[in-house]
């Protein structure tokens, strides 16, 4: 009985870690896209100022 409780607890902790990792990855990809977009916008804006 004790091993079943331990197994269920370990599975719940693994699920929690997977969800956290997924959300963290999603956040990083979102931030990466925003930063790349800002860099492209800044380059286009500076090109418009210079030329």
N, C-alpha and C. Protein backbone atom coordinates (compact mmCIF):
# COMPACT_ATOMS: atom_id res chain seq x y z
N UNK A 1 0.84 -1.20 0.00
CA UNK A 1 0.00 0.00 0.00
C UNK A 1 0.88 1.26 0.00
N UNK A 2 1.95 1.19 0.76
CA UNK A 2 2.84 2.35 0.86
C UNK A 2 3.50 2.65 -0.48
N UNK A 3 3.84 1.61 -1.24
CA UNK A 3 4.48 1.82 -2.54
C UNK A 3 3.50 2.44 -3.54
N UNK A 4 2.21 2.12 -3.41
CA UNK A 4 1.20 2.72 -4.30
C UNK A 4 1.09 4.21 -4.03
N UNK A 5 1.06 4.57 -2.76
CA UNK A 5 0.96 5.98 -2.38
C UNK A 5 2.20 6.73 -2.87
N UNK A 6 3.36 6.12 -2.72
CA UNK A 6 4.60 6.75 -3.18
C UNK A 6 4.59 6.93 -4.70
N UNK A 7 4.12 5.91 -5.42
CA UNK A 7 4.07 5.98 -6.88
C UNK A 7 3.12 7.08 -7.34
N UNK A 8 1.96 7.19 -6.71
CA UNK A 8 0.99 8.22 -7.08
C UNK A 8 1.56 9.60 -6.78
N UNK A 9 2.22 9.73 -5.61
CA UNK A 9 2.82 11.01 -5.26
C UNK A 9 3.91 11.40 -6.25
N UNK A 10 4.74 10.44 -6.65
CA UNK A 10 5.80 10.71 -7.62
C UNK A 10 5.21 11.10 -8.98
N UNK A 11 4.13 10.42 -9.39
CA UNK A 11 3.50 10.77 -10.67
C UNK A 11 2.92 12.18 -10.62
N UNK A 12 2.32 12.56 -9.49
CA UNK A 12 1.76 13.91 -9.36
C UNK A 12 2.87 14.95 -9.41
N UNK A 13 3.98 14.70 -8.75
CA UNK A 13 5.10 15.64 -8.78
C UNK A 13 5.70 15.75 -10.18
N UNK A 14 5.79 14.62 -10.89
CA UNK A 14 6.28 14.64 -12.27
C UNK A 14 5.35 15.44 -13.17
N UNK A 15 4.05 15.27 -13.00
CA UNK A 15 3.07 16.01 -13.79
C UNK A 15 3.19 17.51 -13.52
N UNK A 16 3.35 17.86 -12.25
CA UNK A 16 3.53 19.26 -11.87
C UNK A 16 4.79 19.85 -12.52
N UNK A 17 5.87 19.08 -12.51
CA UNK A 17 7.12 19.54 -13.11
C UNK A 17 6.98 19.69 -14.63
N UNK A 18 6.26 18.77 -15.27
CA UNK A 18 6.06 18.86 -16.72
C UNK A 18 5.24 20.09 -17.08
N UNK A 19 4.19 20.37 -16.33
CA UNK A 19 3.35 21.54 -16.59
C UNK A 19 4.16 22.81 -16.40
N UNK A 20 4.96 22.85 -15.31
CA UNK A 20 5.81 24.03 -15.07
C UNK A 20 6.81 24.22 -16.20
N UNK A 21 7.42 23.15 -16.65
CA UNK A 21 8.40 23.23 -17.74
C UNK A 21 7.75 23.70 -19.03
N UNK A 22 6.53 23.21 -19.31
CA UNK A 22 5.82 23.62 -20.52
C UNK A 22 5.52 25.11 -20.48
N UNK A 23 5.02 25.59 -19.33
CA UNK A 23 4.69 27.01 -19.22
C UNK A 23 5.94 27.87 -19.30
N UNK A 24 7.04 27.41 -18.71
CA UNK A 24 8.30 28.15 -18.75
C UNK A 24 8.80 28.23 -20.20
N UNK A 25 8.73 27.13 -20.93
CA UNK A 25 9.15 27.13 -22.32
C UNK A 25 8.27 28.03 -23.17
N UNK A 26 6.97 27.99 -22.93
CA UNK A 26 6.04 28.85 -23.66
C UNK A 26 6.36 30.31 -23.41
N UNK A 27 6.66 30.66 -22.15
CA UNK A 27 7.02 32.03 -21.80
C UNK A 27 8.31 32.46 -22.49
N UNK A 28 9.30 31.57 -22.52
CA UNK A 28 10.58 31.91 -23.15
C UNK A 28 10.41 32.13 -24.66
N UNK A 29 9.63 31.26 -25.31
CA UNK A 29 9.40 31.43 -26.75
C UNK A 29 8.67 32.73 -27.03
N UNK A 30 7.70 33.07 -26.20
CA UNK A 30 6.95 34.32 -26.37
C UNK A 30 7.88 35.52 -26.22
N UNK A 31 8.72 35.51 -25.18
CA UNK A 31 9.65 36.62 -24.98
C UNK A 31 10.64 36.72 -26.13
N UNK A 32 11.09 35.57 -26.65
CA UNK A 32 12.03 35.56 -27.77
C UNK A 32 11.39 36.21 -29.00
N UNK A 33 10.14 35.86 -29.29
CA UNK A 33 9.44 36.43 -30.45
C UNK A 33 9.27 37.94 -30.27
N UNK A 34 8.94 38.38 -29.05
CA UNK A 34 8.77 39.81 -28.80
C UNK A 34 10.09 40.55 -28.99
N UNK A 35 11.17 40.00 -28.47
CA UNK A 35 12.48 40.65 -28.60
C UNK A 35 12.91 40.74 -30.06
N UNK A 36 12.73 39.65 -30.82
CA UNK A 36 13.09 39.67 -32.24
C UNK A 36 12.24 40.71 -32.98
N UNK A 37 10.96 40.79 -32.67
CA UNK A 37 10.10 41.79 -33.30
C UNK A 37 10.54 43.20 -32.98
N UNK A 38 10.93 43.44 -31.72
CA UNK A 38 11.41 44.78 -31.35
C UNK A 38 12.71 45.13 -32.06
N UNK A 39 13.60 44.15 -32.21
CA UNK A 39 14.86 44.40 -32.92
C UNK A 39 14.59 44.73 -34.38
N UNK A 40 13.72 43.98 -35.03
CA UNK A 40 13.38 44.24 -36.43
C UNK A 40 12.74 45.62 -36.57
N UNK A 41 11.83 45.96 -35.66
CA UNK A 41 11.17 47.27 -35.71
C UNK A 41 12.19 48.39 -35.51
N UNK A 42 13.14 48.20 -34.60
CA UNK A 42 14.16 49.22 -34.35
C UNK A 42 15.05 49.40 -35.58
N UNK A 43 15.41 48.31 -36.24
CA UNK A 43 16.25 48.40 -37.43
C UNK A 43 15.51 49.15 -38.54
N UNK A 44 14.25 48.82 -38.74
CA UNK A 44 13.47 49.49 -39.78
C UNK A 44 13.31 50.97 -39.43
N UNK A 45 13.07 51.29 -38.16
CA UNK A 45 12.89 52.67 -37.74
C UNK A 45 14.19 53.46 -37.92
N UNK A 46 15.32 52.87 -37.53
CA UNK A 46 16.61 53.54 -37.68
C UNK A 46 16.96 53.72 -39.15
N UNK A 47 16.63 52.72 -39.98
CA UNK A 47 16.86 52.84 -41.42
C UNK A 47 16.06 54.01 -41.97
N UNK A 48 14.85 54.20 -41.50
CA UNK A 48 14.02 55.32 -41.93
C UNK A 48 14.59 56.65 -41.48
N UNK A 49 15.24 56.69 -40.31
CA UNK A 49 15.84 57.94 -39.84
C UNK A 49 17.08 58.30 -40.65
N UNK A 50 17.89 57.30 -40.95
CA UNK A 50 19.17 57.57 -41.62
C UNK A 50 18.96 57.89 -43.09
N UNK A 51 18.12 57.10 -43.76
CA UNK A 51 17.95 57.30 -45.20
C UNK A 51 16.65 58.02 -45.50
